[in-house]
Amino acid sequence: MIEPNHIYTLLNSASGTVLDLDGGMNLFPFYLGSPAKGSVCQGWQNLSYKAEAFNQQWFITAVQGKNDIFTLRNLRSGTYLDLSNGSSTNDTRVQGYTKPAPGNEKNQQWKLIPEGQEYR
């Protein structure tokens, strides 16, 4: 069960990579997730066990009035997981983006569906 207002790392069960907000640079020991609008989200080696890898950690918040619908805010950048332009087209970019104006937030709302012990 997803507990809102908690921090999660989203692990791909097939590849073992995690959802990572690209920062365009790695200034070891810090892994930077960019606060720029439109920063790419990608699968990346799991470094979330390191305190410095906040770009792989997501704060999940329930959307009021909607069952099982959440927003995911990146701990490093403060940007939200966003489906570019809310498009339903295959190969649409998934990115980090600033919180939109009220009424325009649907492309940052995600349904997490339980699949056994995991979510899909």
PDB file of N, CA and C in Angstrom:
ATOM      1  N   MET A   1       0.834  -1.185   0.000  1.00  0.00           N
ATOM      2  CA  MET A   1       0.000   0.000   0.000  1.00  0.00           C
ATOM      3  C   MET A   1       0.882   1.252   0.000  1.00  0.00           C
ATOM      4  N   ILE A   2       0.548   2.169  -0.865  1.00  0.00           N
ATOM      5  CA  ILE A   2       1.278   3.433  -0.922  1.00  0.00           C
ATOM      6  C   ILE A   2       0.833   4.306   0.252  1.00  0.00           C
ATOM      7  N   GLU A   3       1.785   4.822   0.983  1.00  0.00           N
ATOM      8  CA  GLU A   3       1.478   5.735   2.076  1.00  0.00           C
ATOM      9  C   GLU A   3       1.818   7.144   1.623  1.00  0.00           C
ATOM     10  N   PRO A   4       0.795   7.987   1.427  1.00  0.00           N
ATOM     11  CA  PRO A   4       1.061   9.363   1.032  1.00  0.00           C
ATOM     12  C   PRO A   4       1.957  10.072   2.036  1.00  0.00           C
ATOM     13  N   ASN A   5       2.635  11.084   1.560  1.00  0.00           N
ATOM     14  CA  ASN A   5       3.528  11.912   2.362  1.00  0.00           C
ATOM     15  C   ASN A   5       4.720  11.123   2.878  1.00  0.00           C
ATOM     16  N   HIS A   6       5.179  10.178   2.065  1.00  0.00           N
ATOM     17  CA  HIS A   6       6.382   9.411   2.339  1.00  0.00           C
ATOM     18  C   HIS A   6       7.306   9.499   1.135  1.00  0.00           C
ATOM     19  N   ILE A   7       8.559   9.156   1.347  1.00  0.00           N
ATOM     20  CA  ILE A   7       9.564   9.190   0.291  1.00  0.00           C
ATOM     21  C   ILE A   7       9.746   7.781  -0.254  1.00  0.00           C
ATOM     22  N   TYR A   8       9.776   7.668  -1.594  1.00  0.00           N
ATOM     23  CA  TYR A   8       9.926   6.378  -2.266  1.00  0.00           C
ATOM     24  C   TYR A   8      11.008   6.450  -3.333  1.00  0.00           C
ATOM     25  N   THR A   9      11.601   5.292  -3.595  1.00  0.00           N
ATOM     26  CA  THR A   9      12.452   5.085  -4.755  1.00  0.00           C
ATOM     27  C   THR A   9      11.679   4.141  -5.655  1.00  0.00           C
ATOM     28  N   LEU A  10      11.530   4.476  -6.945  1.00  0.00           N
ATOM     29  CA  LEU A  10      10.743   3.678  -7.875  1.00  0.00           C
ATOM     30  C   LEU A  10      11.669   2.780  -8.681  1.00  0.00           C
ATOM     31  N   LEU A  11      11.629   1.494  -8.378  1.00  0.00           N
ATOM     32  CA  LEU A  11      12.522   0.497  -8.951  1.00  0.00           C
ATOM     33  C   LEU A  11      11.821  -0.274 -10.063  1.00  0.00           C
ATOM     34  N   ASN A  12      12.464  -0.396 -11.215  1.00  0.00           N
ATOM     35  CA  ASN A  12      11.929  -1.221 -12.289  1.00  0.00           C
ATOM     36  C   ASN A  12      12.265  -2.669 -11.983  1.00  0.00           C
ATOM     37  N   SER A  13      11.241  -3.515 -11.866  1.00  0.00           N
ATOM     38  CA  SER A  13      11.478  -4.904 -11.458  1.00  0.00           C
ATOM     39  C   SER A  13      12.184  -5.719 -12.533  1.00  0.00           C
ATOM     40  N   ALA A  14      12.110  -5.307 -13.788  1.00  0.00           N
ATOM     41  CA  ALA A  14      12.784  -6.052 -14.859  1.00  0.00           C
ATOM     42  C   ALA A  14      14.273  -5.704 -14.936  1.00  0.00           C
ATOM     43  N   SER A  15      14.585  -4.423 -14.864  1.00  0.00           N
ATOM     44  CA  SER A  15      15.973  -3.991 -15.092  1.00  0.00           C
ATOM     45  C   SER A  15      16.760  -3.752 -13.810  1.00  0.00           C
ATOM     46  N   GLY A  16      16.051  -3.472 -12.717  1.00  0.00           N
ATOM     47  CA  GLY A  16      16.731  -3.129 -11.480  1.00  0.00           C
ATOM     48  C   GLY A  16      17.164  -1.668 -11.427  1.00  0.00           C
ATOM     49  N   THR A  17      16.858  -0.909 -12.487  1.00  0.00           N
ATOM     50  CA  THR A  17      17.171   0.522 -12.464  1.00  0.00           C
ATOM     51  C   THR A  17      16.041   1.268 -11.764  1.00  0.00           C
ATOM     52  N   VAL A  18      16.319   2.495 -11.376  1.00  0.00           N
ATOM     53  CA  VAL A  18      15.323   3.295 -10.667  1.00  0.00           C
ATOM     54  C   VAL A  18      15.006   4.563 -11.447  1.00  0.00           C
ATOM     55  N   LEU A  19      13.868   5.177 -11.116  1.00  0.00           N
ATOM     56  CA  LEU A  19      13.485   6.438 -11.745  1.00  0.00           C
ATOM     57  C   LEU A  19      14.406   7.530 -11.220  1.00  0.00           C
ATOM     58  N   ASP A  20      15.087   8.179 -12.150  1.00  0.00           N
ATOM     59  CA  ASP A  20      16.152   9.129 -11.837  1.00  0.00           C
ATOM     60  C   ASP A  20      15.871  10.428 -12.582  1.00  0.00           C
ATOM     61  N   LEU A  21      15.954  11.557 -11.895  1.00  0.00           N
ATOM     62  CA  LEU A  21      15.841  12.853 -12.550  1.00  0.00           C
ATOM     63  C   LEU A  21      17.237  13.279 -12.945  1.00  0.00           C
ATOM     64  N   ASP A  22      17.476  13.355 -14.251  1.00  0.00           N
ATOM     65  CA  ASP A  22      18.800  13.679 -14.767  1.00  0.00           C
ATOM     66  C   ASP A  22      19.181  15.106 -14.395  1.00  0.00           C
ATOM     67  N   GLY A  23      20.429  15.254 -13.992  1.00  0.00           N
ATOM     68  CA  GLY A  23      20.920  16.583 -13.660  1.00  0.00           C
ATOM     69  C   GLY A  23      21.963  17.064 -14.639  1.00  0.00           C
ATOM     70  N   GLY A  24      22.343  16.196 -15.585  1.00  0.00           N
ATOM     71  CA  GLY A  24      23.322  16.580 -16.583  1.00  0.00           C
ATOM     72  C   GLY A  24      24.745  16.534 -16.079  1.00  0.00           C
ATOM     73  N   MET A  25      24.939  16.248 -14.783  1.00  0.00           N
ATOM     74  CA  MET A  25      26.299  16.183 -14.260  1.00  0.00           C
ATOM     75  C   MET A  25      26.325  15.347 -12.991  1.00  0.00           C
ATOM     76  N   ASN A  26      27.481  14.847 -12.681  1.00  0.00           N
ATOM     77  CA  ASN A  26      27.689  14.073 -11.468  1.00  0.00           C
ATOM     78  C   ASN A  26      28.880  14.697 -10.757  1.00  0.00           C
ATOM     79  N   LEU A  27      28.607  15.436  -9.714  1.00  0.00           N
ATOM     80  CA  LEU A  27      29.682  16.053  -8.938  1.00  0.00           C
ATOM     81  C   LEU A  27      29.891  15.205  -7.694  1.00  0.00           C
ATOM     82  N   PHE A  28      30.575  14.062  -7.894  1.00  0.00           N
ATOM     83  CA  PHE A  28      30.757  13.105  -6.818  1.00  0.00           C
ATOM     84  C   PHE A  28      31.194  13.834  -5.555  1.00  0.00           C
ATOM     85  N   PRO A  29      30.628  13.577  -4.401  1.00  0.00           N
ATOM     86  CA  PRO A  29      29.698  12.492  -4.113  1.00  0.00           C
ATOM     87  C   PRO A  29      28.237  12.885  -4.281  1.00  0.00           C
ATOM     88  N   PHE A  30      27.933  14.006  -4.954  1.00  0.00           N
ATOM     89  CA  PHE A  30      26.550  14.443  -5.093  1.00  0.00           C
ATOM     90  C   PHE A  30      26.022  14.111  -6.487  1.00  0.00           C
ATOM     91  N   TYR A  31      24.806  13.612  -6.543  1.00  0.00           N
ATOM     92  CA  TYR A  31      24.146  13.249  -7.791  1.00  0.00           C
ATOM     93  C   TYR A  31      23.017  14.249  -7.970  1.00  0.00           C
ATOM     94  N   LEU A  32      23.130  15.064  -8.996  1.00  0.00           N
ATOM     95  CA  LEU A  32      22.253  16.222  -9.110  1.00  0.00           C
ATOM     96  C   LEU A  32      21.069  15.974 -10.024  1.00  0.00           C
ATOM     97  N   GLY A  33      19.890  16.244  -9.538  1.00  0.00           N
ATOM     98  CA  GLY A  33      18.684  16.283 -10.346  1.00  0.00           C
ATOM     99  C   GLY A  33      18.406  17.742 -10.649  1.00  0.00           C
ATOM    100  N   SER A  34      18.258  18.070 -11.898  1.00  0.00           N
ATOM    101  CA  SER A  34      18.124  19.461 -12.301  1.00  0.00           C
ATOM    102  C   SER A  34      16.771  20.046 -11.939  1.00  0.00           C
ATOM    103  N   PRO A  35      16.747  21.295 -11.446  1.00  0.00           N
ATOM    104  CA  PRO A  35      15.480  21.959 -11.173  1.00  0.00           C
ATOM    105  C   PRO A  35      14.881  22.610 -12.418  1.00  0.00           C
ATOM    106  N   ALA A  36      15.565  22.508 -13.561  1.00  0.00           N
ATOM    107  CA  ALA A  36      15.094  23.140 -14.791  1.00  0.00           C
ATOM    108  C   ALA A  36      13.805  22.477 -15.281  1.00  0.00           C
ATOM    109  N   LYS A  37      12.903  23.283 -15.824  1.00  0.00           N
ATOM    110  CA  LYS A  37      11.682  22.743 -16.416  1.00  0.00           C
ATOM    111  C   LYS A  37      12.048  21.811 -17.558  1.00  0.00           C
ATOM    112  N   GLY A  38      11.421  20.636 -17.597  1.00  0.00           N
ATOM    113  CA  GLY A  38      11.656  19.708 -18.700  1.00  0.00           C
ATOM    114  C   GLY A  38      12.865  18.812 -18.525  1.00  0.00           C
ATOM    115  N   SER A  39      13.448  18.740 -17.324  1.00  0.00           N
ATOM    116  CA  SER A  39      14.585  17.841 -17.098  1.00  0.00           C
ATOM    117  C   SER A  39      14.154  16.398 -17.320  1.00  0.00           C
ATOM    118  N   VAL A  40      14.988  15.626 -17.990  1.00  0.00           N
ATOM    119  CA  VAL A  40      14.667  14.257 -18.376  1.00  0.00           C
ATOM    120  C   VAL A  40      14.612  13.336 -17.164  1.00  0.00           C
ATOM    121  N   CYS A  41      13.618  12.458 -17.149  1.00  0.00           N
ATOM    122  CA  CYS A  41      13.581  11.355 -16.204  1.00  0.00           C
ATOM    123  C   CYS A  41      14.045  10.118 -16.948  1.00  0.00           C
ATOM    124  N   GLN A  42      14.780   9.265 -16.269  1.00  0.00           N
ATOM    125  CA  GLN A  42      15.397   8.118 -16.929  1.00  0.00           C
ATOM    126  C   GLN A  42      15.562   6.974 -15.943  1.00  0.00           C
ATOM    127  N   GLY A  43      15.797   5.787 -16.482  1.00  0.00           N
ATOM    128  CA  GLY A  43      16.188   4.670 -15.645  1.00  0.00           C
ATOM    129  C   GLY A  43      17.682   4.770 -15.395  1.00  0.00           C
ATOM    130  N   TRP A  44      18.111   4.512 -14.153  1.00  0.00           N
ATOM    131  CA  TRP A  44      19.530   4.655 -13.811  1.00  0.00           C
ATOM    132  C   TRP A  44      19.888   3.665 -12.714  1.00  0.00           C
ATOM    133  N   GLN A  45      21.154   3.368 -12.607  1.00  0.00           N
ATOM    134  CA  GLN A  45      21.652   2.506 -11.533  1.00  0.00           C
ATOM    135  C   GLN A  45      21.132   3.008 -10.192  1.00  0.00           C
ATOM    136  N   ASN A  46      20.710   2.080  -9.345  1.00  0.00           N
ATOM    137  CA  ASN A  46      20.151   2.455  -8.050  1.00  0.00           C
ATOM    138  C   ASN A  46      21.255   2.949  -7.122  1.00  0.00           C
ATOM    139  N   LEU A  47      21.216   4.247  -6.852  1.00  0.00           N
ATOM    140  CA  LEU A  47      22.150   4.869  -5.910  1.00  0.00           C
ATOM    141  C   LEU A  47      21.387   5.453  -4.724  1.00  0.00           C
ATOM    142  N   SER A  48      20.105   5.111  -4.628  1.00  0.00           N
ATOM    143  CA  SER A  48      19.250   5.736  -3.618  1.00  0.00           C
ATOM    144  C   SER A  48      19.664   5.410  -2.188  1.00  0.00           C
ATOM    145  N   TYR A  49      20.482   4.374  -2.018  1.00  0.00           N
ATOM    146  CA  TYR A  49      20.973   4.041  -0.678  1.00  0.00           C
ATOM    147  C   TYR A  49      21.985   5.073  -0.192  1.00  0.00           C
ATOM    148  N   LYS A  50      22.497   5.889  -1.098  1.00  0.00           N
ATOM    149  CA  LYS A  50      23.432   6.950  -0.719  1.00  0.00           C
ATOM    150  C   LYS A  50      22.639   8.194  -0.362  1.00  0.00           C
ATOM    151  N   ALA A  51      22.973   8.803   0.721  1.00  0.00           N
ATOM    152  CA  ALA A  51      22.243   9.985   1.178  1.00  0.00           C
ATOM    153  C   ALA A  51      22.276  11.112   0.150  1.00  0.00           C
ATOM    154  N   GLU A  52      23.279  11.112  -0.710  1.00  0.00           N
ATOM    155  CA  GLU A  52      23.445  12.198  -1.673  1.00  0.00           C
ATOM    156  C   GLU A  52      22.598  12.021  -2.927  1.00  0.00           C
ATOM    157  N   ALA A  53      21.959  10.877  -3.104  1.00  0.00           N
ATOM    158  CA  ALA A  53      21.255  10.569  -4.356  1.00  0.00           C
ATOM    159  C   ALA A  53      19.781  10.951  -4.275  1.00  0.00           C
ATOM    160  N   PHE A  54      19.500  12.163  -3.859  1.00  0.00           N
ATOM    161  CA  PHE A  54      18.120  12.613  -3.725  1.00  0.00           C
ATOM    162  C   PHE A  54      17.392  12.688  -5.063  1.00  0.00           C
ATOM    163  N   ASN A  55      18.128  12.717  -6.176  1.00  0.00           N
ATOM    164  CA  ASN A  55      17.479  12.779  -7.485  1.00  0.00           C
ATOM    165  C   ASN A  55      16.781  11.465  -7.832  1.00  0.00           C
ATOM    166  N   GLN A  56      16.962  10.421  -7.018  1.00  0.00           N
ATOM    167  CA  GLN A  56      16.283   9.146  -7.223  1.00  0.00           C
ATOM    168  C   GLN A  56      15.208   8.907  -6.163  1.00  0.00           C
ATOM    169  N   GLN A  57      14.919   9.918  -5.396  1.00  0.00           N
ATOM    170  CA  GLN A  57      13.936   9.782  -4.325  1.00  0.00           C
ATOM    171  C   GLN A  57      12.769  10.724  -4.594  1.00  0.00           C
ATOM    172  N   TRP A  58      11.564  10.200  -4.386  1.00  0.00           N
ATOM    173  CA  TRP A  58      10.342  10.904  -4.763  1.00  0.00           C
ATOM    174  C   TRP A  58       9.396  10.980  -3.575  1.00  0.00           C
ATOM    175  N   PHE A  59       8.887  12.171  -3.313  1.00  0.00           N
ATOM    176  CA  PHE A  59       7.907  12.385  -2.247  1.00  0.00           C
ATOM    177  C   PHE A  59       6.528  12.232  -2.877  1.00  0.00           C
ATOM    178  N   ILE A  60       5.774  11.245  -2.411  1.00  0.00           N
ATOM    179  CA  ILE A  60       4.479  10.930  -3.005  1.00  0.00           C
ATOM    180  C   ILE A  60       3.370  11.538  -2.157  1.00  0.00           C
ATOM    181  N   THR A  61       2.494  12.278  -2.829  1.00  0.00           N
ATOM    182  CA  THR A  61       1.376  12.949  -2.168  1.00  0.00           C
ATOM    183  C   THR A  61       0.073  12.547  -2.844  1.00  0.00           C
ATOM    184  N   ALA A  62      -0.938  12.210  -2.061  1.00  0.00           N
ATOM    185  CA  ALA A  62      -2.257  11.884  -2.609  1.00  0.00           C
ATOM    186  C   ALA A  62      -2.918  13.155  -3.141  1.00  0.00           C
ATOM    187  N   VAL A  63      -3.634  13.017  -4.257  1.00  0.00           N
ATOM    188  CA  VAL A  63      -4.402  14.135  -4.812  1.00  0.00           C
ATOM    189  C   VAL A  63      -5.769  14.127  -4.127  1.00  0.00           C
ATOM    190  N   GLN A  64      -6.126  15.222  -3.520  1.00  0.00           N
ATOM    191  CA  GLN A  64      -7.390  15.293  -2.775  1.00  0.00           C
ATOM    192  C   GLN A  64      -8.574  15.001  -3.679  1.00  0.00           C
ATOM    193  N   GLY A  65      -9.476  14.143  -3.166  1.00  0.00           N
ATOM    194  CA  GLY A  65     -10.705  13.839  -3.880  1.00  0.00           C
ATOM    195  C   GLY A  65     -10.567  12.808  -4.986  1.00  0.00           C
ATOM    196  N   LYS A  66      -9.365  12.220  -5.150  1.00  0.00           N
ATOM    197  CA  LYS A  66      -9.150  11.229  -6.208  1.00  0.00           C
ATOM    198  C   LYS A  66      -8.498   9.989  -5.597  1.00  0.00           C
ATOM    199  N   ASN A  67      -9.177   8.832  -5.709  1.00  0.00           N
ATOM    200  CA  ASN A  67      -8.655   7.589  -5.148  1.00  0.00           C
ATOM    201  C   ASN A  67      -7.458   7.084  -5.937  1.00  0.00           C
ATOM    202  N   ASP A  68      -6.404   6.725  -5.235  1.00  0.00           N
ATOM    203  CA  ASP A  68      -5.206   6.123  -5.826  1.00  0.00           C
ATOM    204  C   ASP A  68      -4.518   7.002  -6.869  1.00  0.00           C
ATOM    205  N   ILE A  69      -4.708   8.313  -6.796  1.00  0.00           N
ATOM    206  CA  ILE A  69      -4.043   9.252  -7.696  1.00  0.00           C
ATOM    207  C   ILE A  69      -3.062  10.065  -6.857  1.00  0.00           C
ATOM    208  N   PHE A  70      -1.820  10.181  -7.380  1.00  0.00           N
ATOM    209  CA  PHE A  70      -0.738  10.795  -6.620  1.00  0.00           C
ATOM    210  C   PHE A  70       0.080  11.754  -7.477  1.00  0.00           C
ATOM    211  N   THR A  71       0.772  12.669  -6.810  1.00  0.00           N
ATOM    212  CA  THR A  71       1.840  13.424  -7.446  1.00  0.00           C
ATOM    213  C   THR A  71       3.158  12.921  -6.868  1.00  0.00           C
ATOM    214  N   LEU A  72       4.218  13.011  -7.675  1.00  0.00           N
ATOM    215  CA  LEU A  72       5.545  12.576  -7.250  1.00  0.00           C
ATOM    216  C   LEU A  72       6.495  13.754  -7.403  1.00  0.00           C
ATOM    217  N   ARG A  73       7.021  14.244  -6.289  1.00  0.00           N
ATOM    218  CA  ARG A  73       7.932  15.400  -6.294  1.00  0.00           C
ATOM    219  C   ARG A  73       9.346  14.920  -5.999  1.00  0.00           C
ATOM    220  N   ASN A  74      10.278  15.308  -6.837  1.00  0.00           N
ATOM    221  CA  ASN A  74      11.665  14.892  -6.675  1.00  0.00           C
ATOM    222  C   ASN A  74      12.299  15.609  -5.494  1.00  0.00           C
ATOM    223  N   LEU A  75      12.983  14.853  -4.640  1.00  0.00           N
ATOM    224  CA  LEU A  75      13.582  15.435  -3.445  1.00  0.00           C
ATOM    225  C   LEU A  75      14.721  16.404  -3.764  1.00  0.00           C
ATOM    226  N   ARG A  76      15.497  16.107  -4.786  1.00  0.00           N
ATOM    227  CA  ARG A  76      16.636  16.979  -5.109  1.00  0.00           C
ATOM    228  C   ARG A  76      16.166  18.304  -5.694  1.00  0.00           C
ATOM    229  N   SER A  77      15.291  18.249  -6.692  1.00  0.00           N
ATOM    230  CA  SER A  77      14.960  19.460  -7.447  1.00  0.00           C
ATOM    231  C   SER A  77      13.684  20.153  -7.005  1.00  0.00           C
ATOM    232  N   GLY A  78      12.774  19.387  -6.385  1.00  0.00           N
ATOM    233  CA  GLY A  78      11.473  19.947  -6.043  1.00  0.00           C
ATOM    234  C   GLY A  78      10.504  19.959  -7.208  1.00  0.00           C
ATOM    235  N   THR A  79      10.932  19.458  -8.383  1.00  0.00           N
ATOM    236  CA  THR A  79      10.038  19.394  -9.535  1.00  0.00           C
ATOM    237  C   THR A  79       9.186  18.129  -9.457  1.00  0.00           C
ATOM    238  N   TYR A  80       8.102  18.119 -10.221  1.00  0.00           N
ATOM    239  CA  TYR A  80       7.133  17.031 -10.202  1.00  0.00           C
ATOM    240  C   TYR A  80       7.293  16.154 -11.437  1.00  0.00           C
ATOM    241  N   LEU A  81       7.037  14.846 -11.263  1.00  0.00           N
ATOM    242  CA  LEU A  81       7.033  13.930 -12.398  1.00  0.00           C
ATOM    243  C   LEU A  81       5.886  14.335 -13.308  1.00  0.00           C
ATOM    244  N   ASP A  82       6.202  14.590 -14.581  1.00  0.00           N
ATOM    245  CA  ASP A  82       5.280  15.259 -15.497  1.00  0.00           C
ATOM    246  C   ASP A  82       5.297  14.550 -16.852  1.00  0.00           C
ATOM    247  N   LEU A  83       4.123  14.292 -17.404  1.00  0.00           N
ATOM    248  CA  LEU A  83       4.000  13.768 -18.760  1.00  0.00           C
ATOM    249  C   LEU A  83       3.868  14.974 -19.669  1.00  0.00           C
ATOM    250  N   SER A  84       4.861  15.177 -20.523  1.00  0.00           N
ATOM    251  CA  SER A  84       4.933  16.389 -21.334  1.00  0.00           C
ATOM    252  C   SER A  84       3.626  16.661 -22.075  1.00  0.00           C
ATOM    253  N   ASN A  85       3.082  17.839 -21.853  1.00  0.00           N
ATOM    254  CA  ASN A  85       1.838  18.308 -22.474  1.00  0.00           C
ATOM    255  C   ASN A  85       0.643  17.401 -22.197  1.00  0.00           C
ATOM    256  N   GLY A  86       0.759  16.460 -21.253  1.00  0.00           N
ATOM    257  CA  GLY A  86      -0.337  15.551 -20.956  1.00  0.00           C
ATOM    258  C   GLY A  86      -0.707  14.670 -22.135  1.00  0.00           C
ATOM    259  N   SER A  87       0.245  14.446 -23.019  1.00  0.00           N
ATOM    260  CA  SER A  87      -0.017  13.714 -24.262  1.00  0.00           C
ATOM    261  C   SER A  87      -0.279  12.231 -24.015  1.00  0.00           C
ATOM    262  N   SER A  88      -1.172  11.639 -24.814  1.00  0.00           N
ATOM    263  CA  SER A  88      -1.441  10.200 -24.752  1.00  0.00           C
ATOM    264  C   SER A  88      -0.703   9.447 -25.865  1.00  0.00           C
ATOM    265  N   THR A  89       0.188  10.116 -26.568  1.00  0.00           N
ATOM    266  CA  THR A  89       0.955   9.520 -27.652  1.00  0.00           C
ATOM    267  C   THR A  89       2.116   8.688 -27.108  1.00  0.00           C
ATOM    268  N   ASN A  90       2.368   7.532 -27.726  1.00  0.00           N
ATOM    269  CA  ASN A  90       3.531   6.731 -27.340  1.00  0.00           C
ATOM    270  C   ASN A  90       4.801   7.555 -27.502  1.00  0.00           C
ATOM    271  N   ASP A  91       5.798   7.268 -26.687  1.00  0.00           N
ATOM    272  CA  ASP A  91       7.106   7.922 -26.718  1.00  0.00           C
ATOM    273  C   ASP A  91       7.054   9.373 -26.221  1.00  0.00           C
ATOM    274  N   THR A  92       6.010   9.713 -25.472  1.00  0.00           N
ATOM    275  CA  THR A  92       5.921  11.052 -24.893  1.00  0.00           C
ATOM    276  C   THR A  92       6.947  11.180 -23.778  1.00  0.00           C
ATOM    277  N   ARG A  93       7.602  12.288 -23.741  1.00  0.00           N
ATOM    278  CA  ARG A  93       8.647  12.561 -22.751  1.00  0.00           C
ATOM    279  C   ARG A  93       8.063  12.595 -21.333  1.00  0.00           C
ATOM    280  N   VAL A  94       8.758  11.931 -20.403  1.00  0.00           N
ATOM    281  CA  VAL A  94       8.461  12.038 -18.977  1.00  0.00           C
ATOM    282  C   VAL A  94       9.576  12.884 -18.384  1.00  0.00           C
ATOM    283  N   GLN A  95       9.213  13.880 -17.607  1.00  0.00           N
ATOM    284  CA  GLN A  95      10.187  14.894 -17.202  1.00  0.00           C
ATOM    285  C   GLN A  95       9.884  15.413 -15.808  1.00  0.00           C
ATOM    286  N   GLY A  96      10.819  16.170 -15.275  1.00  0.00           N
ATOM    287  CA  GLY A  96      10.580  16.934 -14.069  1.00  0.00           C
ATOM    288  C   GLY A  96      10.104  18.311 -14.480  1.00  0.00           C
ATOM    289  N   TYR A  97       9.081  18.825 -13.800  1.00  0.00           N
ATOM    290  CA  TYR A  97       8.535  20.133 -14.177  1.00  0.00           C
ATOM    291  C   TYR A  97       7.993  20.829 -12.935  1.00  0.00           C
ATOM    292  N   THR A  98       7.979  22.145 -12.969  1.00  0.00           N
ATOM    293  CA  THR A  98       7.445  22.904 -11.840  1.00  0.00           C
ATOM    294  C   THR A  98       5.953  22.628 -11.680  1.00  0.00           C
ATOM    295  N   LYS A  99       5.448  22.886 -10.489  1.00  0.00           N
ATOM    296  CA  LYS A  99       4.021  22.669 -10.226  1.00  0.00           C
ATOM    297  C   LYS A  99       3.211  23.659 -11.063  1.00  0.00           C
ATOM    298  N   PRO A 100       2.210  23.157 -11.796  1.00  0.00           N
ATOM    299  CA  PRO A 100       1.428  24.045 -12.662  1.00  0.00           C
ATOM    300  C   PRO A 100       0.391  24.847 -11.893  1.00  0.00           C
ATOM    301  N   ALA A 101      -0.222  25.778 -12.603  1.00  0.00           N
ATOM    302  CA  ALA A 101      -1.312  26.556 -12.023  1.00  0.00           C
ATOM    303  C   ALA A 101      -2.504  25.638 -11.750  1.00  0.00           C
ATOM    304  N   PRO A 102      -3.306  25.946 -10.736  1.00  0.00           N
ATOM    305  CA  PRO A 102      -4.481  25.114 -10.453  1.00  0.00           C
ATOM    306  C   PRO A 102      -5.349  24.936 -11.704  1.00  0.00           C
ATOM    307  N   GLY A 103      -5.810  23.699 -11.898  1.00  0.00           N
ATOM    308  CA  GLY A 103      -6.615  23.368 -13.072  1.00  0.00           C
ATOM    309  C   GLY A 103      -5.807  22.787 -14.215  1.00  0.00           C
ATOM    310  N   ASN A 104      -4.472  22.876 -14.133  1.00  0.00           N
ATOM    311  CA  ASN A 104      -3.600  22.381 -15.206  1.00  0.00           C
ATOM    312  C   ASN A 104      -2.659  21.281 -14.728  1.00  0.00           C
ATOM    313  N   GLU A 105      -3.042  20.588 -13.667  1.00  0.00           N
ATOM    314  CA  GLU A 105      -2.098  19.647 -13.058  1.00  0.00           C
ATOM    315  C   GLU A 105      -2.286  18.192 -13.444  1.00  0.00           C
ATOM    316  N   LYS A 106      -3.191  17.872 -14.370  1.00  0.00           N
ATOM    317  CA  LYS A 106      -3.465  16.470 -14.697  1.00  0.00           C
ATOM    318  C   LYS A 106      -2.250  15.725 -15.246  1.00  0.00           C
ATOM    319  N   ASN A 107      -1.371  16.396 -15.968  1.00  0.00           N
ATOM    320  CA  ASN A 107      -0.190  15.712 -16.505  1.00  0.00           C
ATOM    321  C   ASN A 107       0.852  15.409 -15.432  1.00  0.00           C
ATOM    322  N   GLN A 108       0.567  15.795 -14.178  1.00  0.00           N
ATOM    323  CA  GLN A 108       1.453  15.462 -13.053  1.00  0.00           C
ATOM    324  C   GLN A 108       0.755  14.550 -12.051  1.00  0.00           C
ATOM    325  N   GLN A 109      -0.374  13.984 -12.431  1.00  0.00           N
ATOM    326  CA  GLN A 109      -1.114  13.090 -11.544  1.00  0.00           C
ATOM    327  C   GLN A 109      -1.004  11.661 -12.067  1.00  0.00           C
ATOM    328  N   TRP A 110      -0.630  10.747 -11.188  1.00  0.00           N
ATOM    329  CA  TRP A 110      -0.325   9.362 -11.566  1.00  0.00           C
ATOM    330  C   TRP A 110      -1.146   8.391 -10.740  1.00  0.00           C
ATOM    331  N   LYS A 111      -1.657   7.360 -11.398  1.00  0.00           N
ATOM    332  CA  LYS A 111      -2.386   6.299 -10.694  1.00  0.00           C
ATOM    333  C   LYS A 111      -1.412   5.157 -10.458  1.00  0.00           C
ATOM    334  N   LEU A 112      -1.293   4.723  -9.228  1.00  0.00           N
ATOM    335  CA  LEU A 112      -0.412   3.616  -8.873  1.00  0.00           C
ATOM    336  C   LEU A 112      -1.293   2.400  -8.624  1.00  0.00           C
ATOM    337  N   ILE A 113      -1.091   1.357  -9.440  1.00  0.00           N
ATOM    338  CA  ILE A 113      -1.959   0.181  -9.431  1.00  0.00           C
ATOM    339  C   ILE A 113      -1.226  -0.981  -8.783  1.00  0.00           C
ATOM    340  N   PRO A 114      -1.800  -1.577  -7.710  1.00  0.00           N
ATOM    341  CA  PRO A 114      -1.135  -2.709  -7.060  1.00  0.00           C
ATOM    342  C   PRO A 114      -1.078  -3.925  -7.982  1.00  0.00           C
ATOM    343  N   GLU A 115       0.065  -4.580  -7.974  1.00  0.00           N
ATOM    344  CA  GLU A 115       0.301  -5.794  -8.765  1.00  0.00           C
ATOM    345  C   GLU A 115       1.011  -6.770  -7.836  1.00  0.00           C
ATOM    346  N   GLY A 116       0.242  -7.525  -7.061  1.00  0.00           N
ATOM    347  CA  GLY A 116       0.856  -8.396  -6.057  1.00  0.00           C
ATOM    348  C   GLY A 116       1.508  -7.553  -4.984  1.00  0.00           C
ATOM    349  N   GLN A 117       2.796  -7.799  -4.754  1.00  0.00           N
ATOM    350  CA  GLN A 117       3.557  -7.038  -3.750  1.00  0.00           C
ATOM    351  C   GLN A 117       4.127  -5.753  -4.312  1.00  0.00           C
ATOM    352  N   GLU A 118       3.957  -5.535  -5.616  1.00  0.00           N
ATOM    353  CA  GLU A 118       4.525  -4.360  -6.278  1.00  0.00           C
ATOM    354  C   GLU A 118       3.410  -3.495  -6.854  1.00  0.00           C
ATOM    355  N   TYR A 119       3.781  -2.344  -7.370  1.00  0.00           N
ATOM    356  CA  TYR A 119       2.853  -1.453  -8.055  1.00  0.00           C
ATOM    357  C   TYR A 119       3.311  -1.312  -9.481  1.00  0.00           C
ATOM    358  N   ARG A 120       2.354  -1.071 -10.369  1.00  0.00           N
ATOM    359  CA  ARG A 120       2.706  -0.845 -11.774  1.00  0.00           C
ATOM    360  C   ARG A 120       2.083   0.444 -12.237  1.00  0.00           C
TER     361      ARG A 120
END
